[in-house]
Amino acid sequence: METVIIRDKFDFEIGYLVKSPCLTCKNRSALPGCHSECRVLDKIQTLLARGISSQASSYES
């Protein structure tokens, strides 16, 4: 099943991650192999993917 991300919030509305949930995880000893099946990380990534950057991107050559 494919997740559809609706980008409707700016990054300042979502906030930012101040501490990795992996630091206090009971499965920490399984790092980094456990990340692909972690529900907490999946929820965080989905939430962050909804965000639209509030910073303008400009490139100077």
PDB file of N, CA and C in Angstrom:
ATOM      1  N   MET A   1       0.839  -1.172   0.000  1.00  0.00           N
ATOM      2  CA  MET A   1       0.000   0.000   0.000  1.00  0.00           C
ATOM      3  C   MET A   1       0.889   1.241   0.000  1.00  0.00           C
ATOM      4  N   GLU A   2       0.625   2.155  -0.926  1.00  0.00           N
ATOM      5  CA  GLU A   2       1.435   3.358  -1.071  1.00  0.00           C
ATOM      6  C   GLU A   2       0.827   4.504  -0.261  1.00  0.00           C
ATOM      7  N   THR A   3       1.671   5.231   0.468  1.00  0.00           N
ATOM      8  CA  THR A   3       1.214   6.364   1.248  1.00  0.00           C
ATOM      9  C   THR A   3       1.272   7.622   0.398  1.00  0.00           C
ATOM     10  N   VAL A   4       0.177   8.359   0.383  1.00  0.00           N
ATOM     11  CA  VAL A   4       0.136   9.622  -0.345  1.00  0.00           C
ATOM     12  C   VAL A   4       0.412  10.737   0.650  1.00  0.00           C
ATOM     13  N   ILE A   5       1.399  11.561   0.348  1.00  0.00           N
ATOM     14  CA  ILE A   5       1.755  12.669   1.218  1.00  0.00           C
ATOM     15  C   ILE A   5       1.131  13.947   0.671  1.00  0.00           C
ATOM     16  N   ILE A   6       0.317  14.598   1.481  1.00  0.00           N
ATOM     17  CA  ILE A   6      -0.256  15.883   1.102  1.00  0.00           C
ATOM     18  C   ILE A   6       0.587  16.960   1.773  1.00  0.00           C
ATOM     19  N   ARG A   7       1.276  17.738   0.965  1.00  0.00           N
ATOM     20  CA  ARG A   7       2.195  18.756   1.490  1.00  0.00           C
ATOM     21  C   ARG A   7       1.401  20.023   1.798  1.00  0.00           C
ATOM     22  N   ASP A   8       0.915  20.121   3.018  1.00  0.00           N
ATOM     23  CA  ASP A   8       0.045  21.228   3.375  1.00  0.00           C
ATOM     24  C   ASP A   8       0.513  22.036   4.573  1.00  0.00           C
ATOM     25  N   LYS A   9       1.669  21.733   5.106  1.00  0.00           N
ATOM     26  CA  LYS A   9       2.162  22.459   6.269  1.00  0.00           C
ATOM     27  C   LYS A   9       3.586  22.915   6.019  1.00  0.00           C
ATOM     28  N   PHE A  10       3.899  24.103   6.508  1.00  0.00           N
ATOM     29  CA  PHE A  10       5.263  24.598   6.403  1.00  0.00           C
ATOM     30  C   PHE A  10       6.105  23.999   7.513  1.00  0.00           C
ATOM     31  N   ASP A  11       7.415  23.944   7.307  1.00  0.00           N
ATOM     32  CA  ASP A  11       8.283  23.315   8.294  1.00  0.00           C
ATOM     33  C   ASP A  11       8.197  23.986   9.664  1.00  0.00           C
ATOM     34  N   PHE A  12       7.915  25.279   9.728  1.00  0.00           N
ATOM     35  CA  PHE A  12       7.801  25.932  11.031  1.00  0.00           C
ATOM     36  C   PHE A  12       6.501  25.563  11.745  1.00  0.00           C
ATOM     37  N   GLU A  13       5.512  25.068  11.015  1.00  0.00           N
ATOM     38  CA  GLU A  13       4.284  24.597  11.639  1.00  0.00           C
ATOM     39  C   GLU A  13       4.465  23.195  12.226  1.00  0.00           C
ATOM     40  N   ILE A  14       5.328  22.408  11.603  1.00  0.00           N
ATOM     41  CA  ILE A  14       5.568  21.036  12.042  1.00  0.00           C
ATOM     42  C   ILE A  14       6.513  21.014  13.236  1.00  0.00           C
ATOM     43  N   GLY A  15       7.500  21.887  13.217  1.00  0.00           N
ATOM     44  CA  GLY A  15       8.502  21.909  14.279  1.00  0.00           C
ATOM     45  C   GLY A  15       9.755  21.208  13.818  1.00  0.00           C
ATOM     46  N   TYR A  16      10.564  20.806  14.762  1.00  0.00           N
ATOM     47  CA  TYR A  16      11.807  20.133  14.423  1.00  0.00           C
ATOM     48  C   TYR A  16      12.126  19.084  15.478  1.00  0.00           C
ATOM     49  N   LEU A  17      12.921  18.148  15.098  1.00  0.00           N
ATOM     50  CA  LEU A  17      13.301  17.040  15.966  1.00  0.00           C
ATOM     51  C   LEU A  17      14.435  17.484  16.873  1.00  0.00           C
ATOM     52  N   VAL A  18      14.241  17.426  18.171  1.00  0.00           N
ATOM     53  CA  VAL A  18      15.279  17.867  19.104  1.00  0.00           C
ATOM     54  C   VAL A  18      16.131  16.714  19.631  1.00  0.00           C
ATOM     55  N   LYS A  19      15.606  15.503  19.551  1.00  0.00           N
ATOM     56  CA  LYS A  19      16.356  14.346  20.035  1.00  0.00           C
ATOM     57  C   LYS A  19      15.899  13.114  19.270  1.00  0.00           C
ATOM     58  N   SER A  20      16.835  12.306  18.878  1.00  0.00           N
ATOM     59  CA  SER A  20      16.500  11.086  18.166  1.00  0.00           C
ATOM     60  C   SER A  20      15.758  10.121  19.092  1.00  0.00           C
ATOM     61  N   PRO A  21      14.657   9.549  18.621  1.00  0.00           N
ATOM     62  CA  PRO A  21      13.954   8.569  19.438  1.00  0.00           C
ATOM     63  C   PRO A  21      14.779   7.303  19.642  1.00  0.00           C
ATOM     64  N   CYS A  22      15.805   7.124  18.837  1.00  0.00           N
ATOM     65  CA  CYS A  22      16.656   5.938  18.949  1.00  0.00           C
ATOM     66  C   CYS A  22      17.505   5.945  20.220  1.00  0.00           C
ATOM     67  N   LEU A  23      17.737   7.133  20.782  1.00  0.00           N
ATOM     68  CA  LEU A  23      18.580   7.229  21.972  1.00  0.00           C
ATOM     69  C   LEU A  23      17.999   6.502  23.176  1.00  0.00           C
ATOM     70  N   THR A  24      16.678   6.451  23.257  1.00  0.00           N
ATOM     71  CA  THR A  24      16.038   5.793  24.399  1.00  0.00           C
ATOM     72  C   THR A  24      15.215   4.570  23.995  1.00  0.00           C
ATOM     73  N   CYS A  25      15.427   4.093  22.796  1.00  0.00           N
ATOM     74  CA  CYS A  25      14.665   2.956  22.295  1.00  0.00           C
ATOM     75  C   CYS A  25      15.116   1.648  22.952  1.00  0.00           C
ATOM     76  N   LYS A  26      14.160   0.771  23.193  1.00  0.00           N
ATOM     77  CA  LYS A  26      14.494  -0.525  23.790  1.00  0.00           C
ATOM     78  C   LYS A  26      15.243  -1.421  22.806  1.00  0.00           C
ATOM     79  N   ASN A  27      15.149  -1.122  21.510  1.00  0.00           N
ATOM     80  CA  ASN A  27      15.837  -1.907  20.483  1.00  0.00           C
ATOM     81  C   ASN A  27      17.137  -1.256  20.020  1.00  0.00           C
ATOM     82  N   ARG A  28      17.673  -0.353  20.812  1.00  0.00           N
ATOM     83  CA  ARG A  28      18.870   0.396  20.423  1.00  0.00           C
ATOM     84  C   ARG A  28      20.047  -0.517  20.070  1.00  0.00           C
ATOM     85  N   SER A  29      20.149  -1.631  20.704  1.00  0.00           N
ATOM     86  CA  SER A  29      21.265  -2.550  20.435  1.00  0.00           C
ATOM     87  C   SER A  29      21.200  -3.132  19.019  1.00  0.00           C
ATOM     88  N   ALA A  30      20.043  -3.026  18.380  1.00  0.00           N
ATOM     89  CA  ALA A  30      19.875  -3.560  17.026  1.00  0.00           C
ATOM     90  C   ALA A  30      20.178  -2.528  15.936  1.00  0.00           C
ATOM     91  N   LEU A  31      20.533  -1.315  16.350  1.00  0.00           N
ATOM     92  CA  LEU A  31      20.850  -0.264  15.364  1.00  0.00           C
ATOM     93  C   LEU A  31      22.037  -0.665  14.526  1.00  0.00           C
ATOM     94  N   PRO A  32      22.148  -0.288  13.288  1.00  0.00           N
ATOM     95  CA  PRO A  32      21.184   0.452  12.496  1.00  0.00           C
ATOM     96  C   PRO A  32      20.219  -0.443  11.740  1.00  0.00           C
ATOM     97  N   GLY A  33      20.286  -1.729  11.928  1.00  0.00           N
ATOM     98  CA  GLY A  33      19.461  -2.661  11.161  1.00  0.00           C
ATOM     99  C   GLY A  33      17.973  -2.576  11.427  1.00  0.00           C
ATOM    100  N   CYS A  34      17.589  -2.003  12.537  1.00  0.00           N
ATOM    101  CA  CYS A  34      16.165  -1.964  12.904  1.00  0.00           C
ATOM    102  C   CYS A  34      15.414  -0.776  12.311  1.00  0.00           C
ATOM    103  N   HIS A  35      16.104   0.180  11.739  1.00  0.00           N
ATOM    104  CA  HIS A  35      15.452   1.416  11.293  1.00  0.00           C
ATOM    105  C   HIS A  35      14.385   1.200  10.222  1.00  0.00           C
ATOM    106  N   SER A  36      14.550   0.232   9.362  1.00  0.00           N
ATOM    107  CA  SER A  36      13.588   0.044   8.267  1.00  0.00           C
ATOM    108  C   SER A  36      12.231  -0.483   8.746  1.00  0.00           C
ATOM    109  N   GLU A  37      12.176  -1.051   9.926  1.00  0.00           N
ATOM    110  CA  GLU A  37      10.922  -1.598  10.452  1.00  0.00           C
ATOM    111  C   GLU A  37      10.394  -0.816  11.646  1.00  0.00           C
ATOM    112  N   CYS A  38      10.976   0.346  11.918  1.00  0.00           N
ATOM    113  CA  CYS A  38      10.608   1.126  13.102  1.00  0.00           C
ATOM    114  C   CYS A  38       9.383   1.994  12.831  1.00  0.00           C
ATOM    115  N   ARG A  39       8.326   1.767  13.589  1.00  0.00           N
ATOM    116  CA  ARG A  39       7.084   2.532  13.415  1.00  0.00           C
ATOM    117  C   ARG A  39       7.259   3.989  13.836  1.00  0.00           C
ATOM    118  N   VAL A  40       8.032   4.228  14.884  1.00  0.00           N
ATOM    119  CA  VAL A  40       8.249   5.600  15.358  1.00  0.00           C
ATOM    120  C   VAL A  40       8.951   6.421  14.285  1.00  0.00           C
ATOM    121  N   LEU A  41      10.029   5.880  13.715  1.00  0.00           N
ATOM    122  CA  LEU A  41      10.747   6.597  12.659  1.00  0.00           C
ATOM    123  C   LEU A  41       9.875   6.784  11.426  1.00  0.00           C
ATOM    124  N   ASP A  42       9.050   5.809  11.117  1.00  0.00           N
ATOM    125  CA  ASP A  42       8.145   5.921   9.978  1.00  0.00           C
ATOM    126  C   ASP A  42       7.161   7.078  10.170  1.00  0.00           C
ATOM    127  N   LYS A  43       6.606   7.201  11.374  1.00  0.00           N
ATOM    128  CA  LYS A  43       5.671   8.288  11.656  1.00  0.00           C
ATOM    129  C   LYS A  43       6.368   9.646  11.561  1.00  0.00           C
ATOM    130  N   ILE A  44       7.583   9.729  12.080  1.00  0.00           N
ATOM    131  CA  ILE A  44       8.343  10.981  12.025  1.00  0.00           C
ATOM    132  C   ILE A  44       8.648  11.357  10.582  1.00  0.00           C
ATOM    133  N   GLN A  45       9.109  10.410   9.795  1.00  0.00           N
ATOM    134  CA  GLN A  45       9.435  10.686   8.397  1.00  0.00           C
ATOM    135  C   GLN A  45       8.200  11.110   7.612  1.00  0.00           C
ATOM    136  N   THR A  46       7.059  10.483   7.883  1.00  0.00           N
ATOM    137  CA  THR A  46       5.820  10.844   7.198  1.00  0.00           C
ATOM    138  C   THR A  46       5.403  12.264   7.561  1.00  0.00           C
ATOM    139  N   LEU A  47       5.501  12.603   8.832  1.00  0.00           N
ATOM    140  CA  LEU A  47       5.148  13.943   9.276  1.00  0.00           C
ATOM    141  C   LEU A  47       6.059  14.988   8.641  1.00  0.00           C
ATOM    142  N   LEU A  48       7.344  14.735   8.640  1.00  0.00           N
ATOM    143  CA  LEU A  48       8.292  15.681   8.068  1.00  0.00           C
ATOM    144  C   LEU A  48       8.135  15.793   6.553  1.00  0.00           C
ATOM    145  N   ALA A  49       7.744  14.710   5.902  1.00  0.00           N
ATOM    146  CA  ALA A  49       7.557  14.735   4.456  1.00  0.00           C
ATOM    147  C   ALA A  49       6.383  15.623   4.056  1.00  0.00           C
ATOM    148  N   ARG A  50       5.460  15.861   4.966  1.00  0.00           N
ATOM    149  CA  ARG A  50       4.317  16.724   4.679  1.00  0.00           C
ATOM    150  C   ARG A  50       4.709  18.184   4.624  1.00  0.00           C
ATOM    151  N   GLY A  51       5.861  18.509   5.160  1.00  0.00           N
ATOM    152  CA  GLY A  51       6.270  19.902   5.261  1.00  0.00           C
ATOM    153  C   GLY A  51       6.783  20.490   3.974  1.00  0.00           C
ATOM    154  N   ILE A  52       6.557  21.766   3.828  1.00  0.00           N
ATOM    155  CA  ILE A  52       7.077  22.543   2.714  1.00  0.00           C
ATOM    156  C   ILE A  52       8.120  23.480   3.308  1.00  0.00           C
ATOM    157  N   SER A  53       9.289  23.488   2.759  1.00  0.00           N
ATOM    158  CA  SER A  53      10.353  24.328   3.296  1.00  0.00           C
ATOM    159  C   SER A  53       9.954  25.791   3.265  1.00  0.00           C
ATOM    160  N   SER A  54      10.226  26.491   4.347  1.00  0.00           N
ATOM    161  CA  SER A  54       9.924  27.917   4.407  1.00  0.00           C
ATOM    162  C   SER A  54      11.126  28.755   3.978  1.00  0.00           C
ATOM    163  N   GLN A  55      12.221  28.119   3.636  1.00  0.00           N
ATOM    164  CA  GLN A  55      13.413  28.837   3.202  1.00  0.00           C
ATOM    165  C   GLN A  55      13.485  28.839   1.690  1.00  0.00           C
ATOM    166  N   ALA A  56      13.801  29.985   1.140  1.00  0.00           N
ATOM    167  CA  ALA A  56      13.954  30.085  -0.319  1.00  0.00           C
ATOM    168  C   ALA A  56      15.281  29.461  -0.721  1.00  0.00           C
ATOM    169  N   SER A  57      15.259  28.731  -1.794  1.00  0.00           N
ATOM    170  CA  SER A  57      16.496  28.146  -2.285  1.00  0.00           C
ATOM    171  C   SER A  57      17.024  29.010  -3.426  1.00  0.00           C
ATOM    172  N   SER A  58      18.244  29.442  -3.294  1.00  0.00           N
ATOM    173  CA  SER A  58      18.862  30.224  -4.373  1.00  0.00           C
ATOM    174  C   SER A  58      20.272  29.726  -4.571  1.00  0.00           C
ATOM    175  N   TYR A  59      20.656  29.675  -5.790  1.00  0.00           N
ATOM    176  CA  TYR A  59      21.994  29.182  -6.131  1.00  0.00           C
ATOM    177  C   TYR A  59      22.751  30.279  -6.855  1.00  0.00           C
ATOM    178  N   GLU A  60      23.951  30.533  -6.388  1.00  0.00           N
ATOM    179  CA  GLU A  60      24.806  31.496  -7.056  1.00  0.00           C
ATOM    180  C   GLU A  60      25.992  30.749  -7.632  1.00  0.00           C
ATOM    181  N   SER A  61      26.269  31.005  -8.876  1.00  0.00           N
ATOM    182  CA  SER A  61      27.374  30.310  -9.539  1.00  0.00           C
ATOM    183  C   SER A  61      28.599  31.175  -9.551  1.00  0.00           C
TER     184      SER A  61
END
